[in-house]
PDB file of N, CA and C in Angstrom:
ATOM      1  N   UNK A   1     162.853 131.139  58.977  1.00  0.00           N
ATOM      2  CA  UNK A   1     162.749 130.349  57.802  1.00  0.00           C
ATOM      3  C   UNK A   1     164.246 129.539  58.180  1.00  0.00           C
ATOM      4  N   UNK A   2     165.374 130.377  58.256  1.00  0.00           N
ATOM      5  CA  UNK A   2     166.673 130.159  58.624  1.00  0.00           C
ATOM      6  C   UNK A   2     166.725 129.228  59.594  1.00  0.00           C
ATOM      7  N   UNK A   3     166.295 129.523  60.575  1.00  0.00           N
ATOM      8  CA  UNK A   3     166.313 128.499  62.083  1.00  0.00           C
ATOM      9  C   UNK A   3     165.737 127.303  61.729  1.00  0.00           C
ATOM     10  N   UNK A   4     164.170 127.178  60.601  1.00  0.00           N
ATOM     11  CA  UNK A   4     163.809 125.989  60.801  1.00  0.00           C
ATOM     12  C   UNK A   4     164.808 125.351  59.509  1.00  0.00           C
ATOM     13  N   UNK A   5     165.619 125.688  58.838  1.00  0.00           N
ATOM     14  CA  UNK A   5     166.324 125.334  57.913  1.00  0.00           C
ATOM     15  C   UNK A   5     167.481 124.473  58.466  1.00  0.00           C
ATOM     16  N   UNK A   6     168.451 125.380  59.423  1.00  0.00           N
ATOM     17  CA  UNK A   6     169.334 124.972  60.368  1.00  0.00           C
ATOM     18  C   UNK A   6     168.652 123.518  60.964  1.00  0.00           C
ATOM     19  N   UNK A   7     167.344 123.647  61.519  1.00  0.00           N
ATOM     20  CA  UNK A   7     167.392 122.611  62.399  1.00  0.00           C
ATOM     21  C   UNK A   7     166.639 121.609  61.607  1.00  0.00           C
ATOM     22  N   UNK A   8     166.217 121.517  60.496  1.00  0.00           N
ATOM     23  CA  UNK A   8     165.878 120.358  59.184  1.00  0.00           C
ATOM     24  C   UNK A   8     167.190 119.353  59.364  1.00  0.00           C
ATOM     25  N   UNK A   9     168.271 119.663  59.371  1.00  0.00           N
ATOM     26  CA  UNK A   9     169.389 118.925  59.393  1.00  0.00           C
ATOM     27  C   UNK A   9     169.614 118.235  60.701  1.00  0.00           C
ATOM     28  N   UNK A  10     169.433 118.743  61.727  1.00  0.00           N
ATOM     29  CA  UNK A  10     170.220 118.369  62.731  1.00  0.00           C
ATOM     30  C   UNK A  10     169.399 119.117  64.022  1.00  0.00           C
ATOM     31  N   UNK A  11     169.282 118.480  65.373  1.00  0.00           N
ATOM     32  CA  UNK A  11     169.038 119.199  66.373  1.00  0.00           C
ATOM     33  C   UNK A  11     170.225 120.059  67.029  1.00  0.00           C
ATOM     34  N   UNK A  12     170.161 121.143  67.468  1.00  0.00           N
ATOM     35  CA  UNK A  12     170.809 122.264  67.951  1.00  0.00           C
ATOM     36  C   UNK A  12     170.349 122.875  69.122  1.00  0.00           C
ATOM     37  N   UNK A  13     171.488 123.519  69.856  1.00  0.00           N
ATOM     38  CA  UNK A  13     171.136 124.262  70.852  1.00  0.00           C
ATOM     39  C   UNK A  13     171.160 125.680  70.414  1.00  0.00           C
ATOM     40  N   UNK A  14     170.713 126.911  71.030  1.00  0.00           N
ATOM     41  CA  UNK A  14     170.806 128.004  70.649  1.00  0.00           C
ATOM     42  C   UNK A  14     171.830 128.818  70.058  1.00  0.00           C
ATOM     43  N   UNK A  15     173.031 128.459  70.836  1.00  0.00           N
ATOM     44  CA  UNK A  15     174.458 129.063  70.428  1.00  0.00           C
ATOM     45  C   UNK A  15     174.623 128.466  69.026  1.00  0.00           C
ATOM     46  N   UNK A  16     174.400 127.390  68.893  1.00  0.00           N
ATOM     47  CA  UNK A  16     174.796 126.110  67.922  1.00  0.00           C
ATOM     48  C   UNK A  16     174.288 127.222  66.397  1.00  0.00           C
ATOM     49  N   UNK A  17     172.787 127.537  66.774  1.00  0.00           N
ATOM     50  CA  UNK A  17     172.144 127.918  65.656  1.00  0.00           C
ATOM     51  C   UNK A  17     172.542 129.139  65.096  1.00  0.00           C
ATOM     52  N   UNK A  18     172.997 130.365  66.236  1.00  0.00           N
ATOM     53  CA  UNK A  18     173.315 131.667  66.026  1.00  0.00           C
ATOM     54  C   UNK A  18     174.984 131.410  65.163  1.00  0.00           C
ATOM     55  N   UNK A  19     175.629 130.395  65.528  1.00  0.00           N
ATOM     56  CA  UNK A  19     176.840 130.177  65.048  1.00  0.00           C
ATOM     57  C   UNK A  19     176.698 129.545  63.419  1.00  0.00           C
ATOM     58  N   UNK A  20     175.813 128.729  63.506  1.00  0.00           N
ATOM     59  CA  UNK A  20     175.743 128.179  62.099  1.00  0.00           C
ATOM     60  C   UNK A  20     175.271 129.394  61.187  1.00  0.00           C
ATOM     61  N   UNK A  21     174.397 130.111  61.386  1.00  0.00           N
ATOM     62  CA  UNK A  21     173.707 131.142  60.419  1.00  0.00           C
ATOM     63  C   UNK A  21     174.839 132.236  60.281  1.00  0.00           C
ATOM     64  N   UNK A  22     175.469 132.563  61.275  1.00  0.00           N
ATOM     65  CA  UNK A  22     176.607 133.263  61.108  1.00  0.00           C
ATOM     66  C   UNK A  22     177.652 132.886  60.125  1.00  0.00           C
ATOM     67  N   UNK A  23     177.925 131.668  60.253  1.00  0.00           N
ATOM     68  CA  UNK A  23     178.830 130.708  59.373  1.00  0.00           C
ATOM     69  C   UNK A  23     178.591 130.875  57.828  1.00  0.00           C
ATOM     70  N   UNK A  24     177.334 130.221  57.753  1.00  0.00           N
ATOM     71  CA  UNK A  24     176.493 130.140  56.364  1.00  0.00           C
ATOM     72  C   UNK A  24     176.450 131.313  55.757  1.00  0.00           C
ATOM     73  N   UNK A  25     176.210 132.520  56.526  1.00  0.00           N
ATOM     74  CA  UNK A  25     175.809 133.736  55.867  1.00  0.00           C
ATOM     75  C   UNK A  25     177.496 134.467  55.412  1.00  0.00           C
ATOM     76  N   UNK A  26     178.218 133.736  55.577  1.00  0.00           N
ATOM     77  CA  UNK A  26     179.639 134.263  55.352  1.00  0.00           C
ATOM     78  C   UNK A  26     179.941 135.700  56.502  1.00  0.00           C
ATOM     79  N   UNK A  27     179.210 135.277  57.593  1.00  0.00           N
ATOM     80  CA  UNK A  27     179.399 136.405  58.621  1.00  0.00           C
ATOM     81  C   UNK A  27     178.744 137.522  58.172  1.00  0.00           C
ATOM     82  N   UNK A  28     177.599 137.717  57.262  1.00  0.00           N
ATOM     83  CA  UNK A  28     176.903 138.794  57.100  1.00  0.00           C
ATOM     84  C   UNK A  28     175.731 138.686  58.057  1.00  0.00           C
ATOM     85  N   UNK A  29     175.404 138.023  58.841  1.00  0.00           N
ATOM     86  CA  UNK A  29     174.444 137.696  59.524  1.00  0.00           C
ATOM     87  C   UNK A  29     174.577 137.536  60.896  1.00  0.00           C
ATOM     88  N   UNK A  30     174.118 138.304  61.838  1.00  0.00           N
ATOM     89  CA  UNK A  30     174.105 137.954  63.469  1.00  0.00           C
ATOM     90  C   UNK A  30     172.856 137.881  64.005  1.00  0.00           C
ATOM     91  N   UNK A  31     172.600 136.631  64.605  1.00  0.00           N
ATOM     92  CA  UNK A  31     171.350 136.982  65.345  1.00  0.00           C
ATOM     93  C   UNK A  31     171.430 136.945  66.999  1.00  0.00           C
ATOM     94  N   UNK A  32     170.775 138.147  67.195  1.00  0.00           N
ATOM     95  CA  UNK A  32     171.146 138.209  68.847  1.00  0.00           C
ATOM     96  C   UNK A  32     170.448 137.339  69.706  1.00  0.00           C
ATOM     97  N   UNK A  33     170.975 137.019  70.559  1.00  0.00           N
ATOM     98  CA  UNK A  33     170.529 135.998  71.496  1.00  0.00           C
ATOM     99  C   UNK A  33     168.965 136.021  71.785  1.00  0.00           C
ATOM    100  N   UNK A  34     168.752 137.404  72.245  1.00  0.00           N
ATOM    101  CA  UNK A  34     167.442 137.731  72.751  1.00  0.00           C
ATOM    102  C   UNK A  34     166.281 137.317  71.787  1.00  0.00           C
ATOM    103  N   UNK A  35     166.449 137.620  70.661  1.00  0.00           N
ATOM    104  CA  UNK A  35     165.623 137.653  69.099  1.00  0.00           C
ATOM    105  C   UNK A  35     165.588 136.035  69.263  1.00  0.00           C
ATOM    106  N   UNK A  36     166.802 135.361  69.213  1.00  0.00           N
ATOM    107  CA  UNK A  36     166.560 134.144  68.765  1.00  0.00           C
ATOM    108  C   UNK A  36     165.711 133.245  69.868  1.00  0.00           C
ATOM    109  N   UNK A  37     166.002 133.632  70.918  1.00  0.00           N
ATOM    110  CA  UNK A  37     165.174 132.693  71.898  1.00  0.00           C
ATOM    111  C   UNK A  37     163.814 132.872  71.954  1.00  0.00           C
ATOM    112  N   UNK A  38     163.344 134.271  71.648  1.00  0.00           N
ATOM    113  CA  UNK A  38     162.055 134.595  71.616  1.00  0.00           C
ATOM    114  C   UNK A  38     161.309 133.760  70.201  1.00  0.00           C
ATOM    115  N   UNK A  39     162.186 133.632  69.187  1.00  0.00           N
ATOM    116  CA  UNK A  39     161.411 132.716  68.332  1.00  0.00           C
ATOM    117  C   UNK A  39     161.648 131.759  68.277  1.00  0.00           C
ATOM    118  N   UNK A  40     162.463 131.069  69.319  1.00  0.00           N
ATOM    119  CA  UNK A  40     162.738 129.339  69.549  1.00  0.00           C
ATOM    120  C   UNK A  40     161.089 129.256  70.293  1.00  0.00           C
ATOM    121  N   UNK A  41     161.043 129.824  71.075  1.00  0.00           N
ATOM    122  CA  UNK A  41     159.982 129.968  72.148  1.00  0.00           C
ATOM    123  C   UNK A  41     158.821 129.898  71.301  1.00  0.00           C
ATOM    124  N   UNK A  42     158.606 130.960  70.488  1.00  0.00           N
ATOM    125  CA  UNK A  42     157.026 131.139  69.710  1.00  0.00           C
ATOM    126  C   UNK A  42     156.883 129.763  68.851  1.00  0.00           C
ATOM    127  N   UNK A  43     157.914 129.617  67.896  1.00  0.00           N
ATOM    128  CA  UNK A  43     157.755 128.022  67.210  1.00  0.00           C
ATOM    129  C   UNK A  43     157.817 127.104  67.894  1.00  0.00           C
ATOM    130  N   UNK A  44     158.123 127.030  69.026  1.00  0.00           N
ATOM    131  CA  UNK A  44     157.749 125.909  69.986  1.00  0.00           C
ATOM    132  C   UNK A  44     156.415 125.637  70.442  1.00  0.00           C
ATOM    133  N   UNK A  45     155.793 127.040  70.802  1.00  0.00           N
ATOM    134  CA  UNK A  45     154.113 127.021  71.042  1.00  0.00           C
ATOM    135  C   UNK A  45     153.394 127.108  70.302  1.00  0.00           C
ATOM    136  N   UNK A  46     154.200 127.127  68.554  1.00  0.00           N
ATOM    137  CA  UNK A  46     153.299 126.582  67.571  1.00  0.00           C
ATOM    138  C   UNK A  46     153.388 125.343  67.576  1.00  0.00           C
ATOM    139  N   UNK A  47     154.305 124.597  67.805  1.00  0.00           N
ATOM    140  CA  UNK A  47     154.210 123.094  67.637  1.00  0.00           C
ATOM    141  C   UNK A  47     155.532 122.725  66.801  1.00  0.00           C
ATOM    142  N   UNK A  48     156.214 123.729  66.232  1.00  0.00           N
ATOM    143  CA  UNK A  48     156.926 123.397  64.729  1.00  0.00           C
ATOM    144  C   UNK A  48     158.388 123.111  65.610  1.00  0.00           C
ATOM    145  N   UNK A  49     158.651 123.143  66.903  1.00  0.00           N
ATOM    146  CA  UNK A  49     159.892 122.669  67.327  1.00  0.00           C
ATOM    147  C   UNK A  49     159.755 121.766  68.726  1.00  0.00           C
ATOM    148  N   UNK A  50     160.321 120.915  69.179  1.00  0.00           N
ATOM    149  CA  UNK A  50     160.401 120.243  70.289  1.00  0.00           C
ATOM    150  C   UNK A  50     161.854 120.479  70.782  1.00  0.00           C
ATOM    151  N   UNK A  51     162.073 120.452  72.355  1.00  0.00           N
ATOM    152  CA  UNK A  51     163.163 120.586  72.878  1.00  0.00           C
ATOM    153  C   UNK A  51     163.421 119.647  74.003  1.00  0.00           C
ATOM    154  N   UNK A  52     164.972 119.291  74.289  1.00  0.00           N
ATOM    155  CA  UNK A  52     164.851 118.673  75.158  1.00  0.00           C
ATOM    156  C   UNK A  52     166.523 118.989  75.714  1.00  0.00           C
ATOM    157  N   UNK A  53     167.019 118.867  77.016  1.00  0.00           N
ATOM    158  CA  UNK A  53     167.895 119.347  77.514  1.00  0.00           C
ATOM    159  C   UNK A  53     169.145 118.273  77.342  1.00  0.00           C
ATOM    160  N   UNK A  54     170.568 118.700  76.928  1.00  0.00           N
ATOM    161  CA  UNK A  54     171.627 117.901  76.919  1.00  0.00           C
ATOM    162  C   UNK A  54     172.622 118.489  77.076  1.00  0.00           C
ATOM    163  N   UNK A  55     173.843 117.847  76.811  1.00  0.00           N
ATOM    164  CA  UNK A  55     175.429 118.651  77.200  1.00  0.00           C
ATOM    165  C   UNK A  55     175.734 118.926  75.681  1.00  0.00           C
ATOM    166  N   UNK A  56     176.328 120.165  75.759  1.00  0.00           N
ATOM    167  CA  UNK A  56     176.847 120.673  74.423  1.00  0.00           C
ATOM    168  C   UNK A  56     178.329 120.357  74.380  1.00  0.00           C
ATOM    169  N   UNK A  57     178.814 120.885  73.166  1.00  0.00           N
ATOM    170  CA  UNK A  57     180.016 120.242  72.524  1.00  0.00           C
ATOM    171  C   UNK A  57     181.075 120.558  73.945  1.00  0.00           C
ATOM    172  N   UNK A  58     180.992 121.611  74.648  1.00  0.00           N
ATOM    173  CA  UNK A  58     181.922 121.976  75.746  1.00  0.00           C
ATOM    174  C   UNK A  58     181.396 121.487  77.113  1.00  0.00           C
ATOM    175  N   UNK A  59     180.532 120.397  76.897  1.00  0.00           N
ATOM    176  CA  UNK A  59     180.120 119.739  78.285  1.00  0.00           C
ATOM    177  C   UNK A  59     179.199 120.631  79.170  1.00  0.00           C
ATOM    178  N   UNK A  60     178.452 121.620  78.556  1.00  0.00           N
ATOM    179  CA  UNK A  60     177.740 122.425  79.483  1.00  0.00           C
ATOM    180  C   UNK A  60     176.177 122.013  79.255  1.00  0.00           C
ATOM    181  N   UNK A  61     175.289 122.463  80.136  1.00  0.00           N
ATOM    182  CA  UNK A  61     174.063 121.729  79.936  1.00  0.00           C
ATOM    183  C   UNK A  61     173.449 122.716  78.926  1.00  0.00           C
ATOM    184  N   UNK A  62     172.451 122.327  77.812  1.00  0.00           N
ATOM    185  CA  UNK A  62     172.090 123.117  77.021  1.00  0.00           C
ATOM    186  C   UNK A  62     170.699 122.631  76.510  1.00  0.00           C
ATOM    187  N   UNK A  63     169.644 123.397  76.132  1.00  0.00           N
ATOM    188  CA  UNK A  63     168.656 123.027  75.442  1.00  0.00           C
ATOM    189  C   UNK A  63     168.739 122.954  73.710  1.00  0.00           C
ATOM    190  N   UNK A  64     168.459 121.461  73.479  1.00  0.00           N
ATOM    191  CA  UNK A  64     168.249 121.349  72.074  1.00  0.00           C
ATOM    192  C   UNK A  64     167.199 121.401  71.751  1.00  0.00           C
ATOM    193  N   UNK A  65     167.196 122.044  70.099  1.00  0.00           N
ATOM    194  CA  UNK A  65     165.880 122.138  69.673  1.00  0.00           C
ATOM    195  C   UNK A  65     165.736 121.212  68.113  1.00  0.00           C
ATOM    196  N   UNK A  66     164.602 120.805  67.851  1.00  0.00           N
ATOM    197  CA  UNK A  66     164.813 119.782  67.043  1.00  0.00           C
ATOM    198  C   UNK A  66     163.542 119.885  66.391  1.00  0.00           C
ATOM    199  N   UNK A  67     163.309 119.853  65.011  1.00  0.00           N
ATOM    200  CA  UNK A  67     162.108 120.335  64.097  1.00  0.00           C
ATOM    201  C   UNK A  67     161.292 119.257  64.143  1.00  0.00           C
ATOM    202  N   UNK A  68     159.882 119.476  64.514  1.00  0.00           N
ATOM    203  CA  UNK A  68     158.925 118.490  64.212  1.00  0.00           C
ATOM    204  C   UNK A  68     158.037 118.348  63.010  1.00  0.00           C
ATOM    205  N   UNK A  69     157.501 117.533  62.584  1.00  0.00           N
ATOM    206  CA  UNK A  69     156.780 117.098  61.394  1.00  0.00           C
ATOM    207  C   UNK A  69     156.070 118.518  60.989  1.00  0.00           C
ATOM    208  N   UNK A  70     155.499 119.093  62.026  1.00  0.00           N
ATOM    209  CA  UNK A  70     154.664 120.169  61.866  1.00  0.00           C
ATOM    210  C   UNK A  70     155.414 121.188  61.562  1.00  0.00           C
ATOM    211  N   UNK A  71     156.961 121.379  61.920  1.00  0.00           N
ATOM    212  CA  UNK A  71     157.892 122.267  61.850  1.00  0.00           C
ATOM    213  C   UNK A  71     158.284 121.939  60.225  1.00  0.00           C
ATOM    214  N   UNK A  72     158.380 121.109  59.686  1.00  0.00           N
ATOM    215  CA  UNK A  72     158.943 120.727  58.256  1.00  0.00           C
ATOM    216  C   UNK A  72     157.806 121.237  57.616  1.00  0.00           C
ATOM    217  N   UNK A  73     156.780 120.706  58.143  1.00  0.00           N
ATOM    218  CA  UNK A  73     155.721 121.590  56.719  1.00  0.00           C
ATOM    219  C   UNK A  73     155.594 123.219  56.463  1.00  0.00           C
ATOM    220  N   UNK A  74     156.233 123.574  57.823  1.00  0.00           N
ATOM    221  CA  UNK A  74     156.014 125.031  58.051  1.00  0.00           C
ATOM    222  C   UNK A  74     157.171 125.509  56.993  1.00  0.00           C
ATOM    223  N   UNK A  75     158.421 124.877  57.193  1.00  0.00           N
ATOM    224  CA  UNK A  75     159.557 125.310  56.562  1.00  0.00           C
ATOM    225  C   UNK A  75     159.263 125.032  55.227  1.00  0.00           C
ATOM    226  N   UNK A  76     158.611 124.017  54.347  1.00  0.00           N
ATOM    227  CA  UNK A  76     158.235 123.991  53.034  1.00  0.00           C
ATOM    228  C   UNK A  76     157.376 124.850  52.724  1.00  0.00           C
ATOM    229  N   UNK A  77     156.694 125.553  53.519  1.00  0.00           N
ATOM    230  CA  UNK A  77     155.456 126.818  52.940  1.00  0.00           C
ATOM    231  C   UNK A  77     156.438 127.906  52.921  1.00  0.00           C
ATOM    232  N   UNK A  78     157.232 128.229  53.986  1.00  0.00           N
ATOM    233  CA  UNK A  78     158.211 129.417  53.870  1.00  0.00           C
ATOM    234  C   UNK A  78     159.083 129.228  53.016  1.00  0.00           C
ATOM    235  N   UNK A  79     159.779 128.323  52.433  1.00  0.00           N
ATOM    236  CA  UNK A  79     160.620 128.141  51.171  1.00  0.00           C
ATOM    237  C   UNK A  79     159.834 128.351  50.027  1.00  0.00           C
ATOM    238  N   UNK A  80     158.807 127.755  49.844  1.00  0.00           N
ATOM    239  CA  UNK A  80     157.918 128.246  48.727  1.00  0.00           C
ATOM    240  C   UNK A  80     157.346 129.628  48.566  1.00  0.00           C
ATOM    241  N   UNK A  81     157.137 130.030  49.679  1.00  0.00           N
ATOM    242  CA  UNK A  81     156.681 131.493  49.735  1.00  0.00           C
ATOM    243  C   UNK A  81     158.210 132.349  49.232  1.00  0.00           C
ATOM    244  N   UNK A  82     159.135 131.995  49.865  1.00  0.00           N
ATOM    245  CA  UNK A  82     160.534 132.682  49.716  1.00  0.00           C
ATOM    246  C   UNK A  82     160.731 132.676  48.174  1.00  0.00           C
ATOM    247  N   UNK A  83     160.734 131.448  47.681  1.00  0.00           N
ATOM    248  CA  UNK A  83     161.103 131.321  45.984  1.00  0.00           C
ATOM    249  C   UNK A  83     160.088 131.950  45.207  1.00  0.00           C
ATOM    250  N   UNK A  84     158.557 132.066  45.408  1.00  0.00           N
ATOM    251  CA  UNK A  84     157.870 132.816  44.917  1.00  0.00           C
ATOM    252  C   UNK A  84     158.282 134.460  44.848  1.00  0.00           C
ATOM    253  N   UNK A  85     158.343 134.610  46.053  1.00  0.00           N
ATOM    254  CA  UNK A  85     158.806 135.960  46.201  1.00  0.00           C
ATOM    255  C   UNK A  85     160.249 136.547  45.569  1.00  0.00           C
ATOM    256  N   UNK A  86     160.950 135.819  45.487  1.00  0.00           N
ATOM    257  CA  UNK A  86     162.259 135.944  44.708  1.00  0.00           C
ATOM    258  C   UNK A  86     162.253 136.359  43.185  1.00  0.00           C
ATOM    259  N   UNK A  87     161.275 135.288  42.643  1.00  0.00           N
ATOM    260  CA  UNK A  87     160.826 135.311  41.388  1.00  0.00           C
ATOM    261  C   UNK A  87     160.043 136.235  41.008  1.00  0.00           C
ATOM    262  N   UNK A  88     159.160 136.726  41.808  1.00  0.00           N
ATOM    263  CA  UNK A  88     158.799 138.218  41.536  1.00  0.00           C
ATOM    264  C   UNK A  88     159.455 139.216  41.381  1.00  0.00           C
ATOM    265  N   UNK A  89     160.194 139.607  42.318  1.00  0.00           N
ATOM    266  CA  UNK A  89     161.226 140.602  42.342  1.00  0.00           C
ATOM    267  C   UNK A  89     162.059 140.257  41.284  1.00  0.00           C
ATOM    268  N   UNK A  90     162.575 139.240  40.991  1.00  0.00           N
ATOM    269  CA  UNK A  90     163.327 139.381  39.881  1.00  0.00           C
ATOM    270  C   UNK A  90     163.032 139.715  38.303  1.00  0.00           C
ATOM    271  N   UNK A  91     161.347 139.079  38.295  1.00  0.00           N
ATOM    272  CA  UNK A  91     160.480 139.454  36.857  1.00  0.00           C
ATOM    273  C   UNK A  91     160.218 140.937  36.826  1.00  0.00           C
ATOM    274  N   UNK A  92     159.944 141.859  38.155  1.00  0.00           N
ATOM    275  CA  UNK A  92     160.202 143.030  38.445  1.00  0.00           C
ATOM    276  C   UNK A  92     161.385 143.479  37.729  1.00  0.00           C
ATOM    277  N   UNK A  93     162.405 143.045  38.463  1.00  0.00           N
ATOM    278  CA  UNK A  93     163.610 144.081  38.045  1.00  0.00           C
ATOM    279  C   UNK A  93     164.061 143.859  36.504  1.00  0.00           C
ATOM    280  N   UNK A  94     163.865 142.681  36.248  1.00  0.00           N
ATOM    281  CA  UNK A  94     164.229 142.080  34.451  1.00  0.00           C
ATOM    282  C   UNK A  94     163.751 143.170  33.540  1.00  0.00           C
ATOM    283  N   UNK A  95     161.886 143.288  33.780  1.00  0.00           N
ATOM    284  CA  UNK A  95     161.024 143.906  32.960  1.00  0.00           C
ATOM    285  C   UNK A  95     161.597 145.487  33.225  1.00  0.00           C
ATOM    286  N   UNK A  96     162.087 145.858  34.316  1.00  0.00           N
ATOM    287  CA  UNK A  96     162.054 147.475  34.555  1.00  0.00           C
ATOM    288  C   UNK A  96     163.466 147.532  33.527  1.00  0.00           C
ATOM    289  N   UNK A  97     164.533 146.897  33.782  1.00  0.00           N
ATOM    290  CA  UNK A  97     165.697 146.981  33.066  1.00  0.00           C
ATOM    291  C   UNK A  97     165.483 146.958  31.269  1.00  0.00           C
ATOM    292  N   UNK A  98     164.386 146.138  30.975  1.00  0.00           N
ATOM    293  CA  UNK A  98     164.166 145.979  29.383  1.00  0.00           C
ATOM    294  C   UNK A  98     163.566 147.040  29.003  1.00  0.00           C
ATOM    295  N   UNK A  99     162.530 147.334  29.919  1.00  0.00           N
ATOM    296  CA  UNK A  99     161.432 148.597  29.442  1.00  0.00           C
ATOM    297  C   UNK A  99     161.987 149.880  28.732  1.00  0.00           C
ATOM    298  N   UNK A 100     163.220 150.236  29.858  1.00  0.00           N
ATOM    299  CA  UNK A 100     163.301 151.660  29.899  1.00  0.00           C
ATOM    300  C   UNK A 100     164.930 151.753  29.704  1.00  0.00           C
ATOM    301  N   UNK A 101     165.776 150.438  29.716  1.00  0.00           N
ATOM    302  CA  UNK A 101     167.024 150.618  29.274  1.00  0.00           C
ATOM    303  C   UNK A 101     168.060 150.855  30.678  1.00  0.00           C
ATOM    304  N   UNK A 102     167.169 150.941  31.898  1.00  0.00           N
ATOM    305  CA  UNK A 102     167.864 151.278  33.052  1.00  0.00           C
ATOM    306  C   UNK A 102     167.584 150.405  33.972  1.00  0.00           C
ATOM    307  N   UNK A 103     168.321 150.530  35.347  1.00  0.00           N
ATOM    308  CA  UNK A 103     167.558 150.360  36.342  1.00  0.00           C
ATOM    309  C   UNK A 103     167.642 151.142  37.595  1.00  0.00           C
ATOM    310  N   UNK A 104     166.425 150.932  38.322  1.00  0.00           N
ATOM    311  CA  UNK A 104     166.402 151.725  39.393  1.00  0.00           C
ATOM    312  C   UNK A 104     166.573 151.200  40.508  1.00  0.00           C
TER     313      UNK A 104
END
């Protein structure tokens, strides 16, 4: 979901995606290259991404990934599911605190 969100703003190469996630998470998340490229490949096979070769900021050849219309729909689905999950967890946590005065 985070990869799709990053690519919803602009096309990006793999290293740029990892750096953006690292920066936006305030350095709490670090994506391993092997995991990232497997995920990008899987998303491309599913039709959520397309790619093209280009030049990176430091003038090196890099594969740039871009969200497709199908990828945008998938991001919407995942974001909605995430928001519902967060709401359910919040509801359970709030009820637990009010029912016994303690949190677990």
